[in-house]
Amino acid sequence: MLRRAVWALAQLRAGRSLTAPALASHFEVSLRTAYRDFDFLRDDWNVPIEFDYSRGTYRLTAPTALVAPITLSRGEIVALFFAEKVLAQYRGTPFEADLETALRKVRELLPEEVSVSPGVLDACLSLDPGPTYRPDPRIFADVLDALSRRRVALVRYRSLSGGRTTDRRIHPCHVFNHRGDWYVAAWDETRRQVRDFALHRILRISLTHDACEVPVDFDFRRYGGDAFGIEKGARPVDVVIRFAPRQARWIRERQWHPSARVRNEADGGCRLHLRVSGLDELKRWVMQFGAEAEVLKPASLRREVARELREASKAYERD
């Protein structure tokens, strides 16, 4: 019915002749259904429409929009304006301008009596995605172009771990956002495996005419399913971390990983059980809790955290 109503309204706005038999014939519906559609336009969408007997056609008696006024609840209106704040994580991407335009068009379709003060919303609602990087919009667009056209890309990439800048041939598989930053998962011809490339560290990119060869067994959800953060490891391992009572209250509030299980202890503390791949990011995470977190398993992670803490304490012992 909505498709018929929008089509009929477009014909009327264009000044074309339109009758119930014509509408019924065009959409292959009954004449009774066509008359109900005109009633719907007049009664539900408040379209200024009447039948002109002298011309034998329906016509508009006043200008009207192509789409009927949108009816939104108070909560939906607030959610719409709050969505503008979510745009922060799309700054610097090819989507930024389109999203802002789309939201503006939706606002313009709202009835005149609907008004929301941005100042009031800013006083009540905020969104802080944390410190994030803004990728070069041109590089972002080229990455998406390579992905959509299934083309191999040549990139000059600055590695964070090694601090080196290298030229790589990559086969883009999936573009994703992780904690506000954008990445492309791509088959790296040098490493012979799928790797994550931060878009803000791609210094230059050019598309080749070579067809992209994504591994047939690549599934993004499975690819990142075991990772604790952005870091991927070869095989998942079992991890157990004990948290002191003060931190345990915070740990219980969140789902840290799909595999996470929390076991409470008598003193108010808890043990967090995980099965994750890649332990470097987990190590940095657990060290932020200082003395209120203790790695129990695996032994390799426990030794590494202990070594890091000893090295950190030496810096303070000099004082």
C-alpha atoms as a PDB file:
ATOM      1  CA  MET A   1       0.000   0.000   0.000  1.00  0.00           C
ATOM      2  CA  LEU A   2       2.841   2.397   0.805  1.00  0.00           C
ATOM      3  CA  ARG A   3       4.394   1.768  -2.595  1.00  0.00           C
ATOM      4  CA  ARG A   4       1.084   2.511  -4.309  1.00  0.00           C
ATOM      5  CA  ALA A   5       0.514   5.622  -2.184  1.00  0.00           C
ATOM      6  CA  VAL A   6       3.970   7.068  -2.920  1.00  0.00           C
ATOM      7  CA  TRP A   7       3.565   6.328  -6.653  1.00  0.00           C
ATOM      8  CA  ALA A   8       0.113   7.945  -6.763  1.00  0.00           C
ATOM      9  CA  LEU A   9       1.372  11.004  -4.875  1.00  0.00           C
ATOM     10  CA  ALA A  10       4.275  11.361  -7.325  1.00  0.00           C
ATOM     11  CA  GLN A  11       1.844  11.290 -10.275  1.00  0.00           C
ATOM     12  CA  LEU A  12      -0.332  13.950  -8.706  1.00  0.00           C
ATOM     13  CA  ARG A  13       2.624  16.198  -7.855  1.00  0.00           C
ATOM     14  CA  ALA A  14       3.764  15.914 -11.487  1.00  0.00           C
ATOM     15  CA  GLY A  15       0.320  17.122 -12.641  1.00  0.00           C
ATOM     16  CA  ARG A  16      -0.544  13.879 -14.407  1.00  0.00           C
ATOM     17  CA  SER A  17      -4.068  12.568 -14.712  1.00  0.00           C
ATOM     18  CA  LEU A  18      -4.852   9.809 -12.233  1.00  0.00           C
ATOM     19  CA  THR A  19      -8.002   7.814 -11.510  1.00  0.00           C
ATOM     20  CA  ALA A  20      -8.827   4.812  -9.370  1.00  0.00           C
ATOM     21  CA  PRO A  21      -9.117   2.502 -12.446  1.00  0.00           C
ATOM     22  CA  ALA A  22      -5.659   3.698 -13.625  1.00  0.00           C
ATOM     23  CA  LEU A  23      -4.135   3.011 -10.211  1.00  0.00           C
ATOM     24  CA  ALA A  24      -5.811  -0.402 -10.035  1.00  0.00           C
ATOM     25  CA  SER A  25      -4.590  -1.304 -13.518  1.00  0.00           C
ATOM     26  CA  HIS A  26      -1.010  -0.158 -12.896  1.00  0.00           C
ATOM     27  CA  PHE A  27      -0.606  -2.260  -9.744  1.00  0.00           C
ATOM     28  CA  GLU A  28      -3.023  -5.040 -10.742  1.00  0.00           C
ATOM     29  CA  VAL A  29      -5.262  -4.591  -7.694  1.00  0.00           C
ATOM     30  CA  SER A  30      -9.007  -4.336  -7.374  1.00  0.00           C
ATOM     31  CA  LEU A  31     -10.891  -1.070  -7.946  1.00  0.00           C
ATOM     32  CA  ARG A  32     -12.048  -1.148  -4.317  1.00  0.00           C
ATOM     33  CA  THR A  33      -8.403  -1.334  -3.172  1.00  0.00           C
ATOM     34  CA  ALA A  34      -7.527   1.661  -5.372  1.00  0.00           C
ATOM     35  CA  TYR A  35     -10.307   3.752  -3.835  1.00  0.00           C
ATOM     36  CA  ARG A  36      -9.076   2.784  -0.360  1.00  0.00           C
ATOM     37  CA  ASP A  37      -5.596   3.997  -1.366  1.00  0.00           C
ATOM     38  CA  PHE A  38      -6.982   7.429  -2.231  1.00  0.00           C
ATOM     39  CA  ASP A  39      -8.845   7.469   1.092  1.00  0.00           C
ATOM     40  CA  PHE A  40      -5.570   6.603   2.805  1.00  0.00           C
ATOM     41  CA  LEU A  41      -3.799   9.534   1.122  1.00  0.00           C
ATOM     42  CA  ARG A  42      -6.532  11.948   2.176  1.00  0.00           C
ATOM     43  CA  ASP A  43      -7.337  10.660   5.677  1.00  0.00           C
ATOM     44  CA  ASP A  44      -4.078   9.162   6.988  1.00  0.00           C
ATOM     45  CA  TRP A  45      -1.447  11.235   5.212  1.00  0.00           C
ATOM     46  CA  ASN A  46      -3.545  14.411   5.131  1.00  0.00           C
ATOM     47  CA  VAL A  47      -2.789  14.929   1.443  1.00  0.00           C
ATOM     48  CA  PRO A  48      -4.897  17.825   0.015  1.00  0.00           C
ATOM     49  CA  ILE A  49      -6.598  15.741  -2.670  1.00  0.00           C
ATOM     50  CA  GLU A  50     -10.020  15.826  -4.355  1.00  0.00           C
ATOM     51  CA  PHE A  51     -11.662  14.417  -7.458  1.00  0.00           C
ATOM     52  CA  ASP A  52     -12.094  16.988 -10.232  1.00  0.00           C
ATOM     53  CA  TYR A  53     -15.278  15.916 -12.049  1.00  0.00           C
ATOM     54  CA  SER A  54     -14.766  18.447 -14.819  1.00  0.00           C
ATOM     55  CA  ARG A  55     -11.413  16.895 -15.751  1.00  0.00           C
ATOM     56  CA  GLY A  56     -12.210  13.354 -14.640  1.00  0.00           C
ATOM     57  CA  THR A  57      -9.116  12.976 -12.451  1.00  0.00           C
ATOM     58  CA  TYR A  58      -7.875  13.316  -8.919  1.00  0.00           C
ATOM     59  CA  ARG A  59      -5.783  16.427  -8.284  1.00  0.00           C
ATOM     60  CA  LEU A  60      -3.947  18.220  -5.501  1.00  0.00           C
ATOM     61  CA  THR A  61      -5.603  21.323  -4.113  1.00  0.00           C
ATOM     62  CA  ALA A  62      -2.374  22.560  -2.521  1.00  0.00           C
ATOM     63  CA  PRO A  63       1.379  21.814  -2.807  1.00  0.00           C
ATOM     64  CA  THR A  64       2.556  18.857  -0.740  1.00  0.00           C
ATOM     65  CA  ALA A  65       5.709  16.852  -0.110  1.00  0.00           C
ATOM     66  CA  LEU A  66       6.411  13.609  -1.931  1.00  0.00           C
ATOM     67  CA  VAL A  67       6.531  11.758   1.384  1.00  0.00           C
ATOM     68  CA  ALA A  68       3.930  12.180   4.088  1.00  0.00           C
ATOM     69  CA  PRO A  69       4.918  13.781   7.416  1.00  0.00           C
ATOM     70  CA  ILE A  70       6.737  11.336   9.676  1.00  0.00           C
ATOM     71  CA  THR A  71       5.154  10.530  13.020  1.00  0.00           C
ATOM     72  CA  LEU A  72       7.790  10.011  15.684  1.00  0.00           C
ATOM     73  CA  SER A  73       7.556   9.448  19.405  1.00  0.00           C
ATOM     74  CA  ARG A  74       9.447  11.685  21.820  1.00  0.00           C
ATOM     75  CA  GLY A  75      12.000   8.921  22.363  1.00  0.00           C
ATOM     76  CA  GLU A  76      12.491   8.451  18.625  1.00  0.00           C
ATOM     77  CA  ILE A  77      13.060  12.167  18.105  1.00  0.00           C
ATOM     78  CA  VAL A  78      15.678  12.267  20.851  1.00  0.00           C
ATOM     79  CA  ALA A  79      17.315   9.141  19.390  1.00  0.00           C
ATOM     80  CA  LEU A  80      17.454  10.808  15.973  1.00  0.00           C
ATOM     81  CA  PHE A  81      19.280  13.852  17.298  1.00  0.00           C
ATOM     82  CA  PHE A  82      21.526  11.676  19.479  1.00  0.00           C
ATOM     83  CA  ALA A  83      22.481   9.763  16.320  1.00  0.00           C
ATOM     84  CA  GLU A  84      24.237  12.910  15.130  1.00  0.00           C
ATOM     85  CA  LYS A  85      26.645  12.502  18.007  1.00  0.00           C
ATOM     86  CA  VAL A  86      27.431   8.967  16.847  1.00  0.00           C
ATOM     87  CA  LEU A  87      28.762  10.573  13.650  1.00  0.00           C
ATOM     88  CA  ALA A  88      31.947  11.281  15.596  1.00  0.00           C
ATOM     89  CA  GLN A  89      33.306   7.831  14.755  1.00  0.00           C
ATOM     90  CA  TYR A  90      32.619   8.446  11.060  1.00  0.00           C
ATOM     91  CA  ARG A  91      34.600  11.692  10.877  1.00  0.00           C
ATOM     92  CA  GLY A  92      37.131  11.480   8.096  1.00  0.00           C
ATOM     93  CA  THR A  93      35.369   8.612   6.304  1.00  0.00           C
ATOM     94  CA  PRO A  94      33.540   8.651   2.968  1.00  0.00           C
ATOM     95  CA  PHE A  95      30.297   8.164   4.922  1.00  0.00           C
ATOM     96  CA  GLU A  96      30.514  11.425   6.891  1.00  0.00           C
ATOM     97  CA  ALA A  97      28.924  13.739   4.313  1.00  0.00           C
ATOM     98  CA  ASP A  98      26.245  11.223   3.294  1.00  0.00           C
ATOM     99  CA  LEU A  99      25.219  10.549   6.902  1.00  0.00           C
ATOM    100  CA  GLU A 100      24.973  14.244   7.697  1.00  0.00           C
ATOM    101  CA  THR A 101      22.889  14.812   4.559  1.00  0.00           C
ATOM    102  CA  ALA A 102      20.601  11.871   5.383  1.00  0.00           C
ATOM    103  CA  LEU A 103      19.966  13.138   8.920  1.00  0.00           C
ATOM    104  CA  ARG A 104      19.262  16.626   7.609  1.00  0.00           C
ATOM    105  CA  LYS A 105      16.706  15.260   5.128  1.00  0.00           C
ATOM    106  CA  VAL A 106      14.961  13.291   7.868  1.00  0.00           C
ATOM    107  CA  ARG A 107      14.772  16.425  10.031  1.00  0.00           C
ATOM    108  CA  GLU A 108      13.249  18.354   7.121  1.00  0.00           C
ATOM    109  CA  LEU A 109      10.508  15.720   6.801  1.00  0.00           C
ATOM    110  CA  LEU A 110       9.414  16.148  10.410  1.00  0.00           C
ATOM    111  CA  PRO A 111       6.161  18.029  10.986  1.00  0.00           C
ATOM    112  CA  GLU A 112       6.553  21.745  11.648  1.00  0.00           C
ATOM    113  CA  GLU A 113       5.244  21.410  15.177  1.00  0.00           C
ATOM    114  CA  VAL A 114       8.096  19.072  16.096  1.00  0.00           C
ATOM    115  CA  SER A 115      11.091  20.951  17.453  1.00  0.00           C
ATOM    116  CA  VAL A 116      14.039  19.848  19.526  1.00  0.00           C
ATOM    117  CA  SER A 117      16.480  22.291  21.030  1.00  0.00           C
ATOM    118  CA  PRO A 118      20.069  21.152  20.344  1.00  0.00           C
ATOM    119  CA  GLY A 119      21.153  23.085  23.411  1.00  0.00           C
ATOM    120  CA  VAL A 120      18.804  21.098  25.629  1.00  0.00           C
ATOM    121  CA  LEU A 121      20.009  17.818  24.152  1.00  0.00           C
ATOM    122  CA  ASP A 122      23.668  18.778  24.534  1.00  0.00           C
ATOM    123  CA  ALA A 123      22.997  19.478  28.197  1.00  0.00           C
ATOM    124  CA  CYS A 124      21.397  16.051  28.665  1.00  0.00           C
ATOM    125  CA  LEU A 125      23.215  13.721  26.268  1.00  0.00           C
ATOM    126  CA  SER A 126      26.813  13.235  25.250  1.00  0.00           C
ATOM    127  CA  LEU A 127      28.944  10.616  23.552  1.00  0.00           C
ATOM    128  CA  ASP A 128      32.686  10.252  24.058  1.00  0.00           C
ATOM    129  CA  PRO A 129      34.262   7.580  21.833  1.00  0.00           C
ATOM    130  CA  GLY A 130      37.624   8.283  23.440  1.00  0.00           C
ATOM    131  CA  PRO A 131      40.830   9.286  21.652  1.00  0.00           C
ATOM    132  CA  THR A 132      40.568   8.058  18.069  1.00  0.00           C
ATOM    133  CA  TYR A 133      42.457   8.532  14.818  1.00  0.00           C
ATOM    134  CA  ARG A 134      40.908  10.109  11.740  1.00  0.00           C
ATOM    135  CA  PRO A 135      41.908   8.290   8.564  1.00  0.00           C
ATOM    136  CA  ASP A 136      42.543  10.174   5.337  1.00  0.00           C
ATOM    137  CA  PRO A 137      39.133  10.217   3.553  1.00  0.00           C
ATOM    138  CA  ARG A 138      40.806   9.591   0.197  1.00  0.00           C
ATOM    139  CA  ILE A 139      42.612   6.509   1.487  1.00  0.00           C
ATOM    140  CA  PHE A 140      39.413   5.281   3.139  1.00  0.00           C
ATOM    141  CA  ALA A 141      37.556   5.673  -0.169  1.00  0.00           C
ATOM    142  CA  ASP A 142      40.297   3.828  -2.078  1.00  0.00           C
ATOM    143  CA  VAL A 143      40.225   0.941   0.406  1.00  0.00           C
ATOM    144  CA  LEU A 144      36.453   0.638  -0.036  1.00  0.00           C
ATOM    145  CA  ASP A 145      36.926   0.853  -3.796  1.00  0.00           C
ATOM    146  CA  ALA A 146      39.433  -2.001  -3.751  1.00  0.00           C
ATOM    147  CA  LEU A 147      37.088  -4.043  -1.565  1.00  0.00           C
ATOM    148  CA  SER A 148      33.991  -3.479  -3.712  1.00  0.00           C
ATOM    149  CA  ARG A 149      35.818  -4.025  -7.006  1.00  0.00           C
ATOM    150  CA  ARG A 150      37.743  -7.024  -5.638  1.00  0.00           C
ATOM    151  CA  ARG A 151      41.119  -5.586  -6.618  1.00  0.00           C
ATOM    152  CA  VAL A 152      44.574  -6.087  -5.113  1.00  0.00           C
ATOM    153  CA  ALA A 153      45.893  -2.896  -3.523  1.00  0.00           C
ATOM    154  CA  LEU A 154      49.464  -1.660  -3.172  1.00  0.00           C
ATOM    155  CA  VAL A 155      49.880   0.149   0.137  1.00  0.00           C
ATOM    156  CA  ARG A 156      52.688   1.936   1.908  1.00  0.00           C
ATOM    157  CA  TYR A 157      52.134   1.034   5.548  1.00  0.00           C
ATOM    158  CA  ARG A 158      53.687   2.286   8.776  1.00  0.00           C
ATOM    159  CA  SER A 159      53.804  -0.569  11.263  1.00  0.00           C
ATOM    160  CA  LEU A 160      53.120   0.235  14.904  1.00  0.00           C
ATOM    161  CA  SER A 161      54.976  -2.727  16.389  1.00  0.00           C
ATOM    162  CA  GLY A 162      58.108  -2.528  14.268  1.00  0.00           C
ATOM    163  CA  GLY A 163      58.024   1.182  13.572  1.00  0.00           C
ATOM    164  CA  ARG A 164      58.994   0.522   9.947  1.00  0.00           C
ATOM    165  CA  THR A 165      57.371   1.719   6.730  1.00  0.00           C
ATOM    166  CA  THR A 166      56.997  -0.975   4.080  1.00  0.00           C
ATOM    167  CA  ASP A 167      55.254  -1.490   0.754  1.00  0.00           C
ATOM    168  CA  ARG A 168      52.692  -4.312   0.797  1.00  0.00           C
ATOM    169  CA  ARG A 169      50.338  -6.023  -1.638  1.00  0.00           C
ATOM    170  CA  ILE A 170      47.059  -6.709   0.133  1.00  0.00           C
ATOM    171  CA  HIS A 171      43.761  -8.375  -0.790  1.00  0.00           C
ATOM    172  CA  PRO A 172      41.032  -6.510   1.190  1.00  0.00           C
ATOM    173  CA  CYS A 173      38.516  -8.811   2.895  1.00  0.00           C
ATOM    174  CA  HIS A 174      36.571  -6.664   5.377  1.00  0.00           C
ATOM    175  CA  VAL A 175      36.542  -3.061   6.669  1.00  0.00           C
ATOM    176  CA  PHE A 176      35.578  -2.646  10.316  1.00  0.00           C
ATOM    177  CA  ASN A 177      35.576  -0.214  13.230  1.00  0.00           C
ATOM    178  CA  HIS A 178      37.165  -1.239  16.520  1.00  0.00           C
ATOM    179  CA  ARG A 179      36.734   1.092  19.504  1.00  0.00           C
ATOM    180  CA  GLY A 180      36.429   4.110  17.236  1.00  0.00           C
ATOM    181  CA  ASP A 181      39.321   3.328  14.870  1.00  0.00           C
ATOM    182  CA  TRP A 182      38.983   1.910  11.340  1.00  0.00           C
ATOM    183  CA  TYR A 183      40.791  -1.158  10.005  1.00  0.00           C
ATOM    184  CA  VAL A 184      40.825  -3.345   6.939  1.00  0.00           C
ATOM    185  CA  ALA A 185      41.314  -7.081   7.330  1.00  0.00           C
ATOM    186  CA  ALA A 186      43.276  -8.138   4.258  1.00  0.00           C
ATOM    187  CA  TRP A 187      45.296 -11.068   2.931  1.00  0.00           C
ATOM    188  CA  ASP A 188      48.926  -9.960   3.122  1.00  0.00           C
ATOM    189  CA  GLU A 189      51.013 -11.472   0.341  1.00  0.00           C
ATOM    190  CA  THR A 190      54.209 -10.975   2.373  1.00  0.00           C
ATOM    191  CA  ARG A 191      52.955 -12.626   5.568  1.00  0.00           C
ATOM    192  CA  ARG A 192      50.795 -15.147   3.680  1.00  0.00           C
ATOM    193  CA  GLN A 193      47.899 -14.655   6.090  1.00  0.00           C
ATOM    194  CA  VAL A 194      45.028 -12.281   6.854  1.00  0.00           C
ATOM    195  CA  ARG A 195      46.254  -9.258   8.826  1.00  0.00           C
ATOM    196  CA  ASP A 196      44.632  -6.096  10.198  1.00  0.00           C
ATOM    197  CA  PHE A 197      45.786  -2.789   8.727  1.00  0.00           C
ATOM    198  CA  ALA A 198      44.875   0.455  10.512  1.00  0.00           C
ATOM    199  CA  LEU A 199      43.589   2.892   7.905  1.00  0.00           C
ATOM    200  CA  HIS A 200      45.301   5.846   9.590  1.00  0.00           C
ATOM    201  CA  ARG A 201      48.666   4.094   9.136  1.00  0.00           C
ATOM    202  CA  ILE A 202      48.208   3.579   5.396  1.00  0.00           C
ATOM    203  CA  LEU A 203      50.308   6.383   3.926  1.00  0.00           C
ATOM    204  CA  ARG A 204      49.568   5.654   0.280  1.00  0.00           C
ATOM    205  CA  ILE A 205      47.387   3.261  -1.702  1.00  0.00           C
ATOM    206  CA  SER A 206      46.913   2.409  -5.363  1.00  0.00           C
ATOM    207  CA  LEU A 207      44.679  -0.200  -6.969  1.00  0.00           C
ATOM    208  CA  THR A 208      46.028  -2.776  -9.377  1.00  0.00           C
ATOM    209  CA  HIS A 209      44.222  -4.625 -12.155  1.00  0.00           C
ATOM    210  CA  ASP A 210      44.873  -7.937 -10.383  1.00  0.00           C
ATOM    211  CA  ALA A 211      41.809  -9.722  -9.034  1.00  0.00           C
ATOM    212  CA  CYS A 212      41.572  -9.959  -5.272  1.00  0.00           C
ATOM    213  CA  GLU A 213      41.820 -13.496  -3.880  1.00  0.00           C
ATOM    214  CA  VAL A 214      40.050 -13.689  -0.533  1.00  0.00           C
ATOM    215  CA  PRO A 215      40.631 -17.019   1.265  1.00  0.00           C
ATOM    216  CA  VAL A 216      37.593 -19.203   0.625  1.00  0.00           C
ATOM    217  CA  ASP A 217      37.280 -20.049   4.326  1.00  0.00           C
ATOM    218  CA  PHE A 218      37.465 -16.427   5.516  1.00  0.00           C
ATOM    219  CA  ASP A 219      34.633 -15.506   7.864  1.00  0.00           C
ATOM    220  CA  PHE A 220      35.057 -12.196   9.670  1.00  0.00           C
ATOM    221  CA  ARG A 221      33.099 -13.189  12.773  1.00  0.00           C
ATOM    222  CA  ARG A 222      35.150 -16.330  13.180  1.00  0.00           C
ATOM    223  CA  TYR A 223      38.351 -14.466  12.273  1.00  0.00           C
ATOM    224  CA  GLY A 224      38.027 -12.036  15.181  1.00  0.00           C
ATOM    225  CA  GLY A 225      35.903 -14.152  17.499  1.00  0.00           C
ATOM    226  CA  ASP A 226      38.701 -15.323  19.824  1.00  0.00           C
ATOM    227  CA  ALA A 227      40.576 -12.026  20.010  1.00  0.00           C
ATOM    228  CA  PHE A 228      40.373  -9.994  23.215  1.00  0.00           C
ATOM    229  CA  GLY A 229      40.786  -6.781  21.237  1.00  0.00           C
ATOM    230  CA  ILE A 230      42.280  -6.070  17.833  1.00  0.00           C
ATOM    231  CA  GLU A 231      45.215  -8.452  18.286  1.00  0.00           C
ATOM    232  CA  LYS A 232      44.832 -11.959  16.840  1.00  0.00           C
ATOM    233  CA  GLY A 233      46.824 -14.983  17.923  1.00  0.00           C
ATOM    234  CA  ALA A 234      47.529 -18.373  16.438  1.00  0.00           C
ATOM    235  CA  ARG A 235      45.528 -20.442  18.916  1.00  0.00           C
ATOM    236  CA  PRO A 236      43.190 -19.481  21.760  1.00  0.00           C
ATOM    237  CA  VAL A 237      44.424 -20.187  25.286  1.00  0.00           C
ATOM    238  CA  ASP A 238      42.674 -20.371  28.644  1.00  0.00           C
ATOM    239  CA  VAL A 239      43.208 -17.320  30.850  1.00  0.00           C
ATOM    240  CA  VAL A 240      42.260 -16.860  34.511  1.00  0.00           C
ATOM    241  CA  ILE A 241      42.632 -13.490  36.268  1.00  0.00           C
ATOM    242  CA  ARG A 242      41.779 -12.839  39.896  1.00  0.00           C
ATOM    243  CA  PHE A 243      40.413  -9.397  40.794  1.00  0.00           C
ATOM    244  CA  ALA A 244      40.321  -7.826  44.237  1.00  0.00           C
ATOM    245  CA  PRO A 245      36.864  -6.963  45.675  1.00  0.00           C
ATOM    246  CA  ARG A 246      36.923  -3.286  44.645  1.00  0.00           C
ATOM    247  CA  GLN A 247      37.642  -4.055  40.981  1.00  0.00           C
ATOM    248  CA  ALA A 248      35.497  -7.196  40.967  1.00  0.00           C
ATOM    249  CA  ARG A 249      32.346  -5.093  41.178  1.00  0.00           C
ATOM    250  CA  TRP A 250      33.308  -3.393  37.914  1.00  0.00           C
ATOM    251  CA  ILE A 251      34.398  -6.630  36.230  1.00  0.00           C
ATOM    252  CA  ARG A 252      31.006  -8.251  36.923  1.00  0.00           C
ATOM    253  CA  GLU A 253      29.164  -5.415  35.169  1.00  0.00           C
ATOM    254  CA  ARG A 254      30.514  -6.084  31.665  1.00  0.00           C
ATOM    255  CA  GLN A 255      30.759  -8.856  29.121  1.00  0.00           C
ATOM    256  CA  TRP A 256      34.461  -8.623  28.369  1.00  0.00           C
ATOM    257  CA  HIS A 257      34.542 -11.394  25.781  1.00  0.00           C
ATOM    258  CA  PRO A 258      32.097 -13.958  24.335  1.00  0.00           C
ATOM    259  CA  SER A 259      33.928 -16.667  26.299  1.00  0.00           C
ATOM    260  CA  ALA A 260      34.031 -14.704  29.584  1.00  0.00           C
ATOM    261  CA  ARG A 261      32.824 -16.372  32.769  1.00  0.00           C
ATOM    262  CA  VAL A 262      32.981 -14.808  36.226  1.00  0.00           C
ATOM    263  CA  ARG A 263      33.293 -16.865  39.409  1.00  0.00           C
ATOM    264  CA  ASN A 264      32.770 -15.077  42.687  1.00  0.00           C
ATOM    265  CA  GLU A 265      35.010 -15.619  45.693  1.00  0.00           C
ATOM    266  CA  ALA A 266      34.182 -15.514  49.389  1.00  0.00           C
ATOM    267  CA  ASP A 267      36.073 -12.274  50.080  1.00  0.00           C
ATOM    268  CA  GLY A 268      34.077 -10.342  47.452  1.00  0.00           C
ATOM    269  CA  GLY A 269      36.645 -10.730  44.722  1.00  0.00           C
ATOM    270  CA  CYS A 270      36.175 -12.758  41.565  1.00  0.00           C
ATOM    271  CA  ARG A 271      37.984 -14.803  38.951  1.00  0.00           C
ATOM    272  CA  LEU A 272      37.540 -13.947  35.284  1.00  0.00           C
ATOM    273  CA  HIS A 273      37.866 -16.949  32.955  1.00  0.00           C
ATOM    274  CA  LEU A 274      38.554 -16.272  29.273  1.00  0.00           C
ATOM    275  CA  ARG A 275      39.598 -18.217  26.213  1.00  0.00           C
ATOM    276  CA  VAL A 276      41.335 -15.779  23.900  1.00  0.00           C
ATOM    277  CA  SER A 277      43.984 -15.567  21.200  1.00  0.00           C
ATOM    278  CA  GLY A 278      46.745 -12.976  21.346  1.00  0.00           C
ATOM    279  CA  LEU A 279      47.959 -12.091  24.840  1.00  0.00           C
ATOM    280  CA  ASP A 280      49.858  -8.825  24.381  1.00  0.00           C
ATOM    281  CA  GLU A 281      46.715  -6.682  24.364  1.00  0.00           C
ATOM    282  CA  LEU A 282      45.297  -8.649  27.294  1.00  0.00           C
ATOM    283  CA  LYS A 283      48.546  -8.088  29.186  1.00  0.00           C
ATOM    284  CA  ARG A 284      48.283  -4.319  28.751  1.00  0.00           C
ATOM    285  CA  TRP A 285      44.655  -4.431  29.832  1.00  0.00           C
ATOM    286  CA  VAL A 286      45.230  -6.402  33.026  1.00  0.00           C
ATOM    287  CA  MET A 287      48.210  -4.269  34.062  1.00  0.00           C
ATOM    288  CA  GLN A 288      46.024  -1.167  34.327  1.00  0.00           C
ATOM    289  CA  PHE A 289      44.499  -2.676  37.479  1.00  0.00           C
ATOM    290  CA  GLY A 290      47.883  -2.780  39.234  1.00  0.00           C
ATOM    291  CA  ALA A 291      47.918  -4.767  42.463  1.00  0.00           C
ATOM    292  CA  GLU A 292      44.158  -5.431  42.257  1.00  0.00           C
ATOM    293  CA  ALA A 293      44.524  -7.978  39.432  1.00  0.00           C
ATOM    294  CA  GLU A 294      46.575 -11.174  39.430  1.00  0.00           C
ATOM    295  CA  VAL A 295      47.065 -13.437  36.420  1.00  0.00           C
ATOM    296  CA  LEU A 296      46.723 -17.072  37.475  1.00  0.00           C
ATOM    297  CA  LYS A 297      46.796 -18.703  34.017  1.00  0.00           C
ATOM    298  CA  PRO A 298      48.592 -19.198  31.699  1.00  0.00           C
ATOM    299  CA  ALA A 299      52.014 -19.326  33.328  1.00  0.00           C
ATOM    300  CA  SER A 300      53.616 -17.516  30.374  1.00  0.00           C
ATOM    301  CA  LEU A 301      51.319 -14.505  30.777  1.00  0.00           C
ATOM    302  CA  ARG A 302      51.825 -14.511  34.560  1.00  0.00           C
ATOM    303  CA  ARG A 303      55.616 -14.399  34.103  1.00  0.00           C
ATOM    304  CA  GLU A 304      55.367 -11.638  31.494  1.00  0.00           C
ATOM    305  CA  VAL A 305      53.155  -9.429  33.690  1.00  0.00           C
ATOM    306  CA  ALA A 306      55.469  -9.991  36.667  1.00  0.00           C
ATOM    307  CA  ARG A 307      58.491  -9.011  34.554  1.00  0.00           C
ATOM    308  CA  GLU A 308      56.775  -5.846  33.311  1.00  0.00           C
ATOM    309  CA  LEU A 309      55.802  -4.843  36.850  1.00  0.00           C
ATOM    310  CA  ARG A 310      59.365  -5.374  38.118  1.00  0.00           C
ATOM    311  CA  GLU A 311      60.726  -3.199  35.309  1.00  0.00           C
ATOM    312  CA  ALA A 312      58.144  -0.514  36.019  1.00  0.00           C
ATOM    313  CA  SER A 313      58.953  -0.463  39.732  1.00  0.00           C
ATOM    314  CA  LYS A 314      62.660   0.109  39.000  1.00  0.00           C
ATOM    315  CA  ALA A 315      61.840   3.482  37.493  1.00  0.00           C
ATOM    316  CA  TYR A 316      60.276   4.557  40.810  1.00  0.00           C
ATOM    317  CA  GLU A 317      62.984   3.003  42.970  1.00  0.00           C
ATOM    318  CA  ARG A 318      65.515   5.431  41.449  1.00  0.00           C
ATOM    319  CA  ASP A 319      63.714   8.273  43.264  1.00  0.00           C
END
